[in-house]
Amino acid sequence: MVALARKTLIYEWRRFLPAVVAVGFAGLLQLLQVALVLGIFGSAAVYITGSSGDLWAGYPGTQSVNLGRSIDAGVEMRLRMDPAVSAVEPFHWVDADWRGPNDTGGVSVFVSGINARPDGMLFAHALLPALRARLNEPDAVIVDKADLESLGVGVGDSAVINGHRVRVVGVSSGLRALGGVNVVASLATAASLDTDPSNASRMTYFVAKLRNPADAEEVAARLRGNSAFGSYDVWTAKDFARRSQLYWIFDTGAGAGVLFLAGIVFLVGVVITSQTLVAAVIGSIREYATLNALGVGVGALRKVVMEQAFWVGALGLLGSALLGALALALARSRSVPVALGPWATVTCLSLCMGLAIVSGLAAMRSLRRADPATLLR
């Protein structure tokens, strides 16, 4: 019976091709949706994932890294006093308005003031040491190369941030932020761009490097909540990144829309695939009736239909995987934020295989017509 299922697929491939295309297209949409969701909402934590720090200290209750508030400078001393901490760096966040040399209007930007040393932790995975050293120049800033057009500048051009003139000294990849454009500057430049003079000696976050990163959870619990150094909280980099991403996915309502769209894609795929398989079964109903008349039970015929559904799903997923890889490569070449891990890929492909199996179960109902009596009509 299994050989019969495969031979039927090969011989009647035109009947099953629409079902294969439906499964493949549904799988491709699921993969691209998940990649975009993980890429777009993952960029909300680019400040954390792009850095090499193990702990982040910030204002208590901060839901996302872009919603930070200034904390007392004494928190830095508290972090340095812990024997497990090997280095501490401040992070100065400034919400600002960008005015480019061209007529691009005002652009909302996030200025990230970081330590410009070559071994700095902040944006260690996005800025090469030579590029990082350029931030030591007066009023120097670095932006993501994908944001040059929206900012209306090129490397070497000048612009105005909060009424202060700056110069773009370089570009990099991996700096794009969710909700605005990220601009990286030195701590001194960021302080000059802050319109609130009370924040001159206060930082938004302090990032710590541990001697043993495996102790991050334990050290964070030990450092958390010492009121003698002001009001602050400490998170591991992994927890703070997840916290920021979940905020954008669920608390902003954007994630609910994506999940709803994913459900619609799955339902449409089930309807199209099941109807195609039903039509293929009905088209071969006389052959199934003949097999039934020869003594092949309905249970064995159902196995044939489910085997066909499995191969339809497998071929569809193969096509969606190949097309998805090409689409993701194209997206990355165009600086589109996409990210797709192995677990997310397996989940999407499993859902689409489930789509094919559900469609096969729906098509089995058509075998009720495989009555040998139909051969007499």
Foldseek 3Di string as FASTA:
>chain_A
DLVVLVVLCVVPVVLLVLLLQLLLVLLLVLQQLQQQLCQQLLLQLLQLVLFDFFKKKAFPPDQGLLRFDWWFPLLQVLQVPDPQFDDKWFWAWAFKWKFFPDPLPIFTEIEIATALQQPGGGSVNKDHNVRSVVLVPPQEKEFAPLCCVNRVHDQQGWIAIQNRIHHYPYHTASQQHHPGTYMYHHLVNSLVRHPDVVCNNIGRMMTTHGPDSVCSVVVQVVSADDPVSHGMHMDTSVVNSVSNSCCVLPVVCVVVVSVVVSVVSLVVSLVSSLVSLLVSCVVCLQVLLVVVVVPDDLVVVLVSLLSNLQVSLVSSNVSSVVVSVVVVVVCVVSSNRTDDDPVSSVVSSVSSSVSSNSSSVSSSVSNVSSHNVVVVD
